[in-house]
Amino acid sequence: MALFGLIPDRSAEQAAPAGDSAEAARMAALQPAHPGPRELRAQAVHRLQIGLFGLAGMLLIVSLANVIMDRAKQVERTTAGTPAVAASPSASPSTANDPLVDMGVAPELPVGGGTKPARPAQRPPGN
């Protein structure tokens, strides 16, 4: 941290005159103590535990997603042969393919092989 100027370097303390012992004590209190081997080992074990719990959590999430996808595929396979909604006899075949009609935005137009919508009569160009 002395590199960034946040905490002065200890070498500056040693160069200070002996009369500034209060200042030297204050600077020594600001300097972080170097961790011992026991504390370093505890930090390493803590990091290892966090990493292993993170990996186990990811494995659990991926496994749960896999189970959900397998169940969805299984349900899709079993219901693929049977229609989900029975069509009423009066429903036209275009309503199943027209989402605007399903939402009620567009009117339902009858679809038939021989019927065509009536066109308005056109006026002769001379009138």
C-alpha atoms as a PDB file:
ATOM      1  CA  MET A   1       0.000   0.000   0.000  1.00  0.00           C
ATOM      2  CA  ALA A   2       2.985   2.278   0.418  1.00  0.00           C
ATOM      3  CA  LEU A   3       3.351   2.127  -3.337  1.00  0.00           C
ATOM      4  CA  PHE A   4       0.112   4.069  -3.855  1.00  0.00           C
ATOM      5  CA  GLY A   5       0.841   6.620  -1.123  1.00  0.00           C
ATOM      6  CA  LEU A   6      -1.987   5.490   1.113  1.00  0.00           C
ATOM      7  CA  ILE A   7       0.283   4.281   3.880  1.00  0.00           C
ATOM      8  CA  PRO A   8       3.775   5.701   4.200  1.00  0.00           C
ATOM      9  CA  ASP A   9       6.715   3.369   3.855  1.00  0.00           C
ATOM     10  CA  ARG A  10       8.409   2.106   7.045  1.00  0.00           C
ATOM     11  CA  SER A  11      11.786   3.210   5.766  1.00  0.00           C
ATOM     12  CA  ALA A  12      10.625   6.809   6.240  1.00  0.00           C
ATOM     13  CA  GLU A  13       9.937   6.019   9.907  1.00  0.00           C
ATOM     14  CA  GLN A  14      13.454   4.778  10.476  1.00  0.00           C
ATOM     15  CA  ALA A  15      14.934   7.921   8.950  1.00  0.00           C
ATOM     16  CA  ALA A  16      12.818  10.144  11.246  1.00  0.00           C
ATOM     17  CA  PRO A  17      14.535  11.647  14.306  1.00  0.00           C
ATOM     18  CA  ALA A  18      14.091   9.945  17.685  1.00  0.00           C
ATOM     19  CA  GLY A  19      12.000  12.861  19.043  1.00  0.00           C
ATOM     20  CA  ASP A  20       9.059  11.907  16.820  1.00  0.00           C
ATOM     21  CA  SER A  21       8.246   8.692  18.676  1.00  0.00           C
ATOM     22  CA  ALA A  22       4.525   9.539  18.787  1.00  0.00           C
ATOM     23  CA  GLU A  23       4.491   9.999  15.042  1.00  0.00           C
ATOM     24  CA  ALA A  24       6.446   6.773  14.578  1.00  0.00           C
ATOM     25  CA  ALA A  25       4.001   4.875  16.809  1.00  0.00           C
ATOM     26  CA  ARG A  26       1.072   6.242  14.824  1.00  0.00           C
ATOM     27  CA  MET A  27       2.679   5.216  11.546  1.00  0.00           C
ATOM     28  CA  ALA A  28       3.454   1.755  12.897  1.00  0.00           C
ATOM     29  CA  ALA A  29      -0.197   1.330  13.892  1.00  0.00           C
ATOM     30  CA  LEU A  30      -1.269   2.169  10.334  1.00  0.00           C
ATOM     31  CA  GLN A  31       0.978  -0.464   8.794  1.00  0.00           C
ATOM     32  CA  PRO A  32      -0.761  -3.837   8.408  1.00  0.00           C
ATOM     33  CA  ALA A  33       0.890  -6.676  10.255  1.00  0.00           C
ATOM     34  CA  HIS A  34       2.181  -9.459   8.068  1.00  0.00           C
ATOM     35  CA  PRO A  35       0.085 -12.586   8.561  1.00  0.00           C
ATOM     36  CA  GLY A  36       1.796 -15.562  10.069  1.00  0.00           C
ATOM     37  CA  PRO A  37       1.850 -19.043   8.549  1.00  0.00           C
ATOM     38  CA  ARG A  38      -1.194 -20.094  10.563  1.00  0.00           C
ATOM     39  CA  GLU A  39      -3.267 -17.182   9.279  1.00  0.00           C
ATOM     40  CA  LEU A  40      -2.097 -17.766   5.701  1.00  0.00           C
ATOM     41  CA  ARG A  41      -3.156 -21.409   5.967  1.00  0.00           C
ATOM     42  CA  ALA A  42      -6.561 -20.397   7.361  1.00  0.00           C
ATOM     43  CA  GLN A  43      -7.062 -17.992   4.460  1.00  0.00           C
ATOM     44  CA  ALA A  44      -6.116 -20.686   1.936  1.00  0.00           C
ATOM     45  CA  VAL A  45      -8.517 -23.190   3.505  1.00  0.00           C
ATOM     46  CA  HIS A  46     -11.285 -20.571   3.492  1.00  0.00           C
ATOM     47  CA  ARG A  47     -10.716 -19.828  -0.198  1.00  0.00           C
ATOM     48  CA  LEU A  48     -10.717 -23.541  -0.976  1.00  0.00           C
ATOM     49  CA  GLN A  49     -14.001 -24.020   0.885  1.00  0.00           C
ATOM     50  CA  ILE A  50     -15.631 -21.118  -0.960  1.00  0.00           C
ATOM     51  CA  GLY A  51     -14.456 -22.493  -4.313  1.00  0.00           C
ATOM     52  CA  LEU A  52     -15.709 -25.991  -3.601  1.00  0.00           C
ATOM     53  CA  PHE A  53     -19.079 -24.743  -2.405  1.00  0.00           C
ATOM     54  CA  GLY A  54     -19.347 -22.614  -5.551  1.00  0.00           C
ATOM     55  CA  LEU A  55     -18.596 -25.595  -7.787  1.00  0.00           C
ATOM     56  CA  ALA A  56     -21.094 -27.747  -5.890  1.00  0.00           C
ATOM     57  CA  GLY A  57     -23.729 -25.028  -6.255  1.00  0.00           C
ATOM     58  CA  MET A  58     -23.152 -24.770 -10.010  1.00  0.00           C
ATOM     59  CA  LEU A  59     -23.344 -28.556 -10.338  1.00  0.00           C
ATOM     60  CA  LEU A  60     -26.639 -28.533  -8.440  1.00  0.00           C
ATOM     61  CA  ILE A  61     -28.105 -25.803 -10.651  1.00  0.00           C
ATOM     62  CA  VAL A  62     -27.050 -27.529 -13.884  1.00  0.00           C
ATOM     63  CA  SER A  63     -28.426 -30.869 -12.656  1.00  0.00           C
ATOM     64  CA  LEU A  64     -31.745 -29.281 -11.730  1.00  0.00           C
ATOM     65  CA  ALA A  65     -31.997 -27.627 -15.158  1.00  0.00           C
ATOM     66  CA  ASN A  66     -31.227 -30.964 -16.816  1.00  0.00           C
ATOM     67  CA  VAL A  67     -33.980 -32.721 -14.852  1.00  0.00           C
ATOM     68  CA  ILE A  68     -36.473 -30.006 -15.770  1.00  0.00           C
ATOM     69  CA  MET A  69     -35.578 -30.216 -19.469  1.00  0.00           C
ATOM     70  CA  ASP A  70     -35.824 -34.025 -19.447  1.00  0.00           C
ATOM     71  CA  ARG A  71     -39.258 -33.889 -17.850  1.00  0.00           C
ATOM     72  CA  ALA A  72     -40.432 -31.286 -20.371  1.00  0.00           C
ATOM     73  CA  LYS A  73     -39.240 -33.432 -23.279  1.00  0.00           C
ATOM     74  CA  GLN A  74     -40.926 -36.492 -21.783  1.00  0.00           C
ATOM     75  CA  VAL A  75     -44.238 -34.647 -21.414  1.00  0.00           C
ATOM     76  CA  GLU A  76     -43.920 -33.315 -24.944  1.00  0.00           C
ATOM     77  CA  ARG A  77     -43.357 -36.831 -26.314  1.00  0.00           C
ATOM     78  CA  THR A  78     -46.350 -38.279 -24.478  1.00  0.00           C
ATOM     79  CA  THR A  79     -48.734 -35.489 -25.533  1.00  0.00           C
ATOM     80  CA  ALA A  80     -47.529 -35.240 -29.148  1.00  0.00           C
ATOM     81  CA  GLY A  81     -49.956 -37.918 -30.378  1.00  0.00           C
ATOM     82  CA  THR A  82     -53.075 -36.470 -28.752  1.00  0.00           C
ATOM     83  CA  PRO A  83     -54.407 -33.002 -29.547  1.00  0.00           C
ATOM     84  CA  ALA A  84     -54.289 -30.643 -26.590  1.00  0.00           C
ATOM     85  CA  VAL A  85     -57.493 -28.792 -27.473  1.00  0.00           C
ATOM     86  CA  ALA A  86     -60.419 -30.465 -29.210  1.00  0.00           C
ATOM     87  CA  ALA A  87     -61.596 -28.362 -32.128  1.00  0.00           C
ATOM     88  CA  SER A  88     -65.251 -27.410 -32.189  1.00  0.00           C
ATOM     89  CA  PRO A  89     -67.156 -28.285 -35.353  1.00  0.00           C
ATOM     90  CA  SER A  90     -68.035 -24.639 -36.094  1.00  0.00           C
ATOM     91  CA  ALA A  91     -64.461 -23.349 -35.843  1.00  0.00           C
ATOM     92  CA  SER A  92     -62.755 -22.492 -39.080  1.00  0.00           C
ATOM     93  CA  PRO A  93     -59.313 -23.947 -39.810  1.00  0.00           C
ATOM     94  CA  SER A  94     -57.744 -20.477 -40.113  1.00  0.00           C
ATOM     95  CA  THR A  95     -58.247 -19.631 -36.427  1.00  0.00           C
ATOM     96  CA  ALA A  96     -55.640 -22.174 -35.404  1.00  0.00           C
ATOM     97  CA  ASN A  97     -53.089 -20.499 -37.639  1.00  0.00           C
ATOM     98  CA  ASP A  98     -54.005 -16.855 -37.055  1.00  0.00           C
ATOM     99  CA  PRO A  99     -52.722 -15.417 -33.768  1.00  0.00           C
ATOM    100  CA  LEU A 100     -54.365 -12.031 -34.412  1.00  0.00           C
ATOM    101  CA  VAL A 101     -57.771 -13.697 -34.422  1.00  0.00           C
ATOM    102  CA  ASP A 102     -56.880 -15.559 -31.225  1.00  0.00           C
ATOM    103  CA  MET A 103     -56.053 -12.273 -29.496  1.00  0.00           C
ATOM    104  CA  GLY A 104     -59.209 -10.618 -30.831  1.00  0.00           C
ATOM    105  CA  VAL A 105     -57.364  -7.969 -32.837  1.00  0.00           C
ATOM    106  CA  ALA A 106     -58.528  -9.036 -36.298  1.00  0.00           C
ATOM    107  CA  PRO A 107     -61.975 -10.367 -37.275  1.00  0.00           C
ATOM    108  CA  GLU A 108     -62.331 -14.024 -38.104  1.00  0.00           C
ATOM    109  CA  LEU A 109     -62.800 -14.455 -41.835  1.00  0.00           C
ATOM    110  CA  PRO A 110     -64.363 -17.633 -43.173  1.00  0.00           C
ATOM    111  CA  VAL A 111     -62.058 -19.759 -45.248  1.00  0.00           C
ATOM    112  CA  GLY A 112     -63.721 -21.758 -47.952  1.00  0.00           C
ATOM    113  CA  GLY A 113     -62.704 -23.182 -51.311  1.00  0.00           C
ATOM    114  CA  GLY A 114     -65.595 -21.736 -53.381  1.00  0.00           C
ATOM    115  CA  THR A 115     -66.472 -18.558 -51.551  1.00  0.00           C
ATOM    116  CA  LYS A 116     -64.697 -15.324 -52.264  1.00  0.00           C
ATOM    117  CA  PRO A 117     -65.225 -12.023 -50.504  1.00  0.00           C
ATOM    118  CA  ALA A 118     -67.558  -9.693 -52.367  1.00  0.00           C
ATOM    119  CA  ARG A 119     -65.889  -6.784 -54.087  1.00  0.00           C
ATOM    120  CA  PRO A 120     -67.560  -3.400 -54.104  1.00  0.00           C
ATOM    121  CA  ALA A 121     -69.066  -2.365 -57.406  1.00  0.00           C
ATOM    122  CA  GLN A 122     -66.889  -0.074 -59.425  1.00  0.00           C
ATOM    123  CA  ARG A 123     -68.259   2.970 -61.132  1.00  0.00           C
ATOM    124  CA  PRO A 124     -67.795   3.378 -64.805  1.00  0.00           C
ATOM    125  CA  PRO A 125     -65.025   5.890 -65.628  1.00  0.00           C
ATOM    126  CA  GLY A 126     -67.354   8.210 -67.525  1.00  0.00           C
ATOM    127  CA  ASN A 127     -69.555   9.318 -64.596  1.00  0.00           C
END
